[in-house]
């Protein structure tokens, strides 16, 4: 059973990311699009407190993005692997420190992409980024990359 409308995000979002962060008991929502007819990527994030079902923080990412991924690292930081910025795919990535509420640049992908997967390899703490699409040609990728924190 679903319980309707227990809360609302600060911004309407589609193609955004969502990652639970245990250290702050919140879900990080980042990027996405608020209007699919214009394909404008959002440059915002918000934290949804799972105890109170409210937005507790919101702010600005380093760059706009949609179709990216967020992965909780063993360090407690969150890796944001970029996606589409509204014009092109990007290869830049960001790291979020939830205890300081701070974003900083991370290592870049070797190939820009969106719509990919990003999976934490718990034995090593690395993140495997696979597949995705290259915009605006819509070429689908079969390549994988490994992020080493």
C-alpha atoms as a PDB file:
ATOM      1  CA  UNK A   1       0.000   0.000   0.000  1.00  0.00           C
ATOM      2  CA  UNK A   2       1.222   3.495  -0.834  1.00  0.00           C
ATOM      3  CA  UNK A   3       0.317   6.422   1.402  1.00  0.00           C
ATOM      4  CA  UNK A   4      -0.417   9.423  -0.826  1.00  0.00           C
ATOM      5  CA  UNK A   5       1.440  12.726  -0.540  1.00  0.00           C
ATOM      6  CA  UNK A   6       3.275  12.364   2.741  1.00  0.00           C
ATOM      7  CA  UNK A   7       5.585  15.207   1.712  1.00  0.00           C
ATOM      8  CA  UNK A   8       6.690  17.392  -1.187  1.00  0.00           C
ATOM      9  CA  UNK A   9      10.091  18.161  -2.631  1.00  0.00           C
ATOM     10  CA  UNK A  10      11.063  21.833  -2.849  1.00  0.00           C
ATOM     11  CA  UNK A  11      11.425  21.501  -6.630  1.00  0.00           C
ATOM     12  CA  UNK A  12       9.565  19.366  -9.151  1.00  0.00           C
ATOM     13  CA  UNK A  13      12.133  16.850 -10.464  1.00  0.00           C
ATOM     14  CA  UNK A  14      12.392  14.089 -13.034  1.00  0.00           C
ATOM     15  CA  UNK A  15      15.526  12.145 -14.062  1.00  0.00           C
ATOM     16  CA  UNK A  16      17.086  13.164 -10.739  1.00  0.00           C
ATOM     17  CA  UNK A  17      19.112  11.077  -8.308  1.00  0.00           C
ATOM     18  CA  UNK A  18      18.121   9.846  -4.852  1.00  0.00           C
ATOM     19  CA  UNK A  19      20.510   8.342  -2.306  1.00  0.00           C
ATOM     20  CA  UNK A  20      19.947   7.537   1.359  1.00  0.00           C
ATOM     21  CA  UNK A  21      22.711   8.855   3.658  1.00  0.00           C
ATOM     22  CA  UNK A  22      22.628   7.028   7.025  1.00  0.00           C
ATOM     23  CA  UNK A  23      24.948   9.471   8.839  1.00  0.00           C
ATOM     24  CA  UNK A  24      22.361  12.256   8.563  1.00  0.00           C
ATOM     25  CA  UNK A  25      19.257  10.058   8.171  1.00  0.00           C
ATOM     26  CA  UNK A  26      18.268  11.846   4.999  1.00  0.00           C
ATOM     27  CA  UNK A  27      17.775  11.191   1.314  1.00  0.00           C
ATOM     28  CA  UNK A  28      19.805  13.345  -1.069  1.00  0.00           C
ATOM     29  CA  UNK A  29      17.850  14.374  -4.173  1.00  0.00           C
ATOM     30  CA  UNK A  30      20.007  16.063  -6.816  1.00  0.00           C
ATOM     31  CA  UNK A  31      19.769  17.445 -10.325  1.00  0.00           C
ATOM     32  CA  UNK A  32      17.132  16.320 -12.769  1.00  0.00           C
ATOM     33  CA  UNK A  33      14.741  18.330 -14.893  1.00  0.00           C
ATOM     34  CA  UNK A  34      11.672  20.337 -13.933  1.00  0.00           C
ATOM     35  CA  UNK A  35      10.371  20.817 -17.482  1.00  0.00           C
ATOM     36  CA  UNK A  36      10.812  18.096 -20.105  1.00  0.00           C
ATOM     37  CA  UNK A  37       9.790  20.290 -23.029  1.00  0.00           C
ATOM     38  CA  UNK A  38      12.805  22.568 -22.554  1.00  0.00           C
ATOM     39  CA  UNK A  39      15.345  19.967 -21.265  1.00  0.00           C
ATOM     40  CA  UNK A  40      16.811  22.385 -18.738  1.00  0.00           C
ATOM     41  CA  UNK A  41      18.978  20.526 -16.227  1.00  0.00           C
ATOM     42  CA  UNK A  42      18.613  21.535 -12.578  1.00  0.00           C
ATOM     43  CA  UNK A  43      21.595  22.740 -10.554  1.00  0.00           C
ATOM     44  CA  UNK A  44      19.948  22.170  -7.189  1.00  0.00           C
ATOM     45  CA  UNK A  45      19.821  19.526  -4.483  1.00  0.00           C
ATOM     46  CA  UNK A  46      17.749  18.950  -1.382  1.00  0.00           C
ATOM     47  CA  UNK A  47      17.888  16.731   1.685  1.00  0.00           C
ATOM     48  CA  UNK A  48      14.756  14.917   2.812  1.00  0.00           C
ATOM     49  CA  UNK A  49      14.791  14.009   6.521  1.00  0.00           C
ATOM     50  CA  UNK A  50      13.311  10.510   6.872  1.00  0.00           C
ATOM     51  CA  UNK A  51      12.366  11.087  10.532  1.00  0.00           C
ATOM     52  CA  UNK A  52      10.233  14.180   9.953  1.00  0.00           C
ATOM     53  CA  UNK A  53       9.353  13.761   6.252  1.00  0.00           C
ATOM     54  CA  UNK A  54      10.494  17.318   5.577  1.00  0.00           C
ATOM     55  CA  UNK A  55      13.112  19.016   3.442  1.00  0.00           C
ATOM     56  CA  UNK A  56      15.838  20.092   5.843  1.00  0.00           C
ATOM     57  CA  UNK A  57      18.404  21.596   3.478  1.00  0.00           C
ATOM     58  CA  UNK A  58      18.640  22.644  -0.122  1.00  0.00           C
ATOM     59  CA  UNK A  59      21.278  24.329  -2.196  1.00  0.00           C
ATOM     60  CA  UNK A  60      23.262  24.476  -5.397  1.00  0.00           C
ATOM     61  CA  UNK A  61      25.391  21.850  -7.125  1.00  0.00           C
ATOM     62  CA  UNK A  62      28.642  22.832  -8.832  1.00  0.00           C
ATOM     63  CA  UNK A  63      26.993  22.362 -12.251  1.00  0.00           C
ATOM     64  CA  UNK A  64      23.534  21.591 -13.676  1.00  0.00           C
ATOM     65  CA  UNK A  65      22.863  17.948 -14.462  1.00  0.00           C
ATOM     66  CA  UNK A  66      20.190  15.409 -15.279  1.00  0.00           C
ATOM     67  CA  UNK A  67      20.422  11.684 -15.900  1.00  0.00           C
ATOM     68  CA  UNK A  68      23.414  11.255 -13.591  1.00  0.00           C
ATOM     69  CA  UNK A  69      23.903   8.952 -10.604  1.00  0.00           C
ATOM     70  CA  UNK A  70      24.738   9.324  -6.929  1.00  0.00           C
ATOM     71  CA  UNK A  71      26.535   6.610  -4.969  1.00  0.00           C
ATOM     72  CA  UNK A  72      27.214   6.531  -1.235  1.00  0.00           C
ATOM     73  CA  UNK A  73      30.927   5.823  -0.742  1.00  0.00           C
ATOM     74  CA  UNK A  74      32.429   3.893   2.168  1.00  0.00           C
ATOM     75  CA  UNK A  75      33.805   7.216   3.487  1.00  0.00           C
ATOM     76  CA  UNK A  76      30.243   8.525   3.922  1.00  0.00           C
ATOM     77  CA  UNK A  77      30.618  10.987   1.060  1.00  0.00           C
ATOM     78  CA  UNK A  78      28.388  10.786  -2.016  1.00  0.00           C
ATOM     79  CA  UNK A  79      29.814  10.566  -5.532  1.00  0.00           C
ATOM     80  CA  UNK A  80      27.736  12.370  -8.158  1.00  0.00           C
ATOM     81  CA  UNK A  81      28.623  11.106 -11.628  1.00  0.00           C
ATOM     82  CA  UNK A  82      27.461  13.792 -13.996  1.00  0.00           C
ATOM     83  CA  UNK A  83      24.974  13.359 -16.758  1.00  0.00           C
ATOM     84  CA  UNK A  84      23.475  15.764 -19.250  1.00  0.00           C
ATOM     85  CA  UNK A  85      23.757  19.521 -18.609  1.00  0.00           C
ATOM     86  CA  UNK A  86      20.934  20.524 -20.959  1.00  0.00           C
ATOM     87  CA  UNK A  87      23.183  20.855 -24.012  1.00  0.00           C
ATOM     88  CA  UNK A  88      25.704  18.008 -23.838  1.00  0.00           C
ATOM     89  CA  UNK A  89      26.813  15.134 -21.680  1.00  0.00           C
ATOM     90  CA  UNK A  90      29.510  16.032 -19.199  1.00  0.00           C
ATOM     91  CA  UNK A  91      32.405  14.048 -17.780  1.00  0.00           C
ATOM     92  CA  UNK A  92      32.844  16.074 -14.598  1.00  0.00           C
ATOM     93  CA  UNK A  93      31.893  14.570 -11.240  1.00  0.00           C
ATOM     94  CA  UNK A  94      31.257  15.933  -7.757  1.00  0.00           C
ATOM     95  CA  UNK A  95      31.683  14.721  -4.178  1.00  0.00           C
ATOM     96  CA  UNK A  96      29.221  15.671  -1.440  1.00  0.00           C
ATOM     97  CA  UNK A  97      30.211  15.745   2.237  1.00  0.00           C
ATOM     98  CA  UNK A  98      26.896  15.466   4.113  1.00  0.00           C
ATOM     99  CA  UNK A  99      28.369  16.375   7.505  1.00  0.00           C
ATOM    100  CA  UNK A 100      29.705  19.680   6.144  1.00  0.00           C
ATOM    101  CA  UNK A 101      26.965  20.157   3.504  1.00  0.00           C
ATOM    102  CA  UNK A 102      29.731  20.822   0.992  1.00  0.00           C
ATOM    103  CA  UNK A 103      30.195  19.905  -2.695  1.00  0.00           C
ATOM    104  CA  UNK A 104      33.632  19.711  -4.317  1.00  0.00           C
ATOM    105  CA  UNK A 105      34.986  18.520  -7.679  1.00  0.00           C
ATOM    106  CA  UNK A 106      35.898  14.843  -8.083  1.00  0.00           C
ATOM    107  CA  UNK A 107      37.880  13.037 -10.785  1.00  0.00           C
ATOM    108  CA  UNK A 108      36.301  13.238 -14.245  1.00  0.00           C
ATOM    109  CA  UNK A 109      35.003  10.357 -16.331  1.00  0.00           C
ATOM    110  CA  UNK A 110      37.105   9.358 -19.321  1.00  0.00           C
ATOM    111  CA  UNK A 111      33.928   9.398 -21.467  1.00  0.00           C
ATOM    112  CA  UNK A 112      30.997  11.790 -20.976  1.00  0.00           C
ATOM    113  CA  UNK A 113      27.646  10.024 -20.597  1.00  0.00           C
ATOM    114  CA  UNK A 114      24.198  10.073 -19.020  1.00  0.00           C
ATOM    115  CA  UNK A 115      21.700   7.351 -18.214  1.00  0.00           C
ATOM    116  CA  UNK A 116      24.502   5.119 -16.908  1.00  0.00           C
ATOM    117  CA  UNK A 117      24.705   2.970 -13.786  1.00  0.00           C
ATOM    118  CA  UNK A 118      27.108   3.442 -10.880  1.00  0.00           C
ATOM    119  CA  UNK A 119      27.638   0.558  -8.465  1.00  0.00           C
ATOM    120  CA  UNK A 120      29.694   0.580  -5.273  1.00  0.00           C
ATOM    121  CA  UNK A 121      32.135  -2.325  -5.058  1.00  0.00           C
ATOM    122  CA  UNK A 122      32.135  -2.815  -1.298  1.00  0.00           C
ATOM    123  CA  UNK A 123      35.274  -4.948  -1.190  1.00  0.00           C
ATOM    124  CA  UNK A 124      37.393  -2.088  -2.587  1.00  0.00           C
ATOM    125  CA  UNK A 125      35.263   1.047  -2.124  1.00  0.00           C
ATOM    126  CA  UNK A 126      35.519   1.742  -5.842  1.00  0.00           C
ATOM    127  CA  UNK A 127      32.546   2.618  -8.070  1.00  0.00           C
ATOM    128  CA  UNK A 128      31.875   0.845 -11.360  1.00  0.00           C
ATOM    129  CA  UNK A 129      30.217   3.165 -13.917  1.00  0.00           C
ATOM    130  CA  UNK A 130      28.745   1.303 -16.903  1.00  0.00           C
ATOM    131  CA  UNK A 131      26.790   1.990 -20.063  1.00  0.00           C
ATOM    132  CA  UNK A 132      24.780   5.097 -20.708  1.00  0.00           C
ATOM    133  CA  UNK A 133      24.000   7.303 -23.645  1.00  0.00           C
ATOM    134  CA  UNK A 134      25.979   9.986 -25.466  1.00  0.00           C
ATOM    135  CA  UNK A 135      23.934  13.115 -26.197  1.00  0.00           C
ATOM    136  CA  UNK A 136      22.862  14.519 -28.575  1.00  0.00           C
ATOM    137  CA  UNK A 137      23.509  11.533 -30.901  1.00  0.00           C
ATOM    138  CA  UNK A 138      21.794   9.042 -28.548  1.00  0.00           C
ATOM    139  CA  UNK A 139      24.601   6.524 -29.098  1.00  0.00           C
ATOM    140  CA  UNK A 140      24.388   3.810 -26.455  1.00  0.00           C
ATOM    141  CA  UNK A 141      27.620   2.839 -24.673  1.00  0.00           C
ATOM    142  CA  UNK A 142      28.834  -0.601 -23.625  1.00  0.00           C
ATOM    143  CA  UNK A 143      31.955   0.727 -21.871  1.00  0.00           C
ATOM    144  CA  UNK A 144      32.629   0.691 -18.126  1.00  0.00           C
ATOM    145  CA  UNK A 145      34.930   2.874 -16.011  1.00  0.00           C
ATOM    146  CA  UNK A 146      36.193   2.484 -12.467  1.00  0.00           C
ATOM    147  CA  UNK A 147      36.231   5.388  -9.981  1.00  0.00           C
ATOM    148  CA  UNK A 148      38.892   5.041  -7.309  1.00  0.00           C
ATOM    149  CA  UNK A 149      38.320   7.359  -4.319  1.00  0.00           C
END
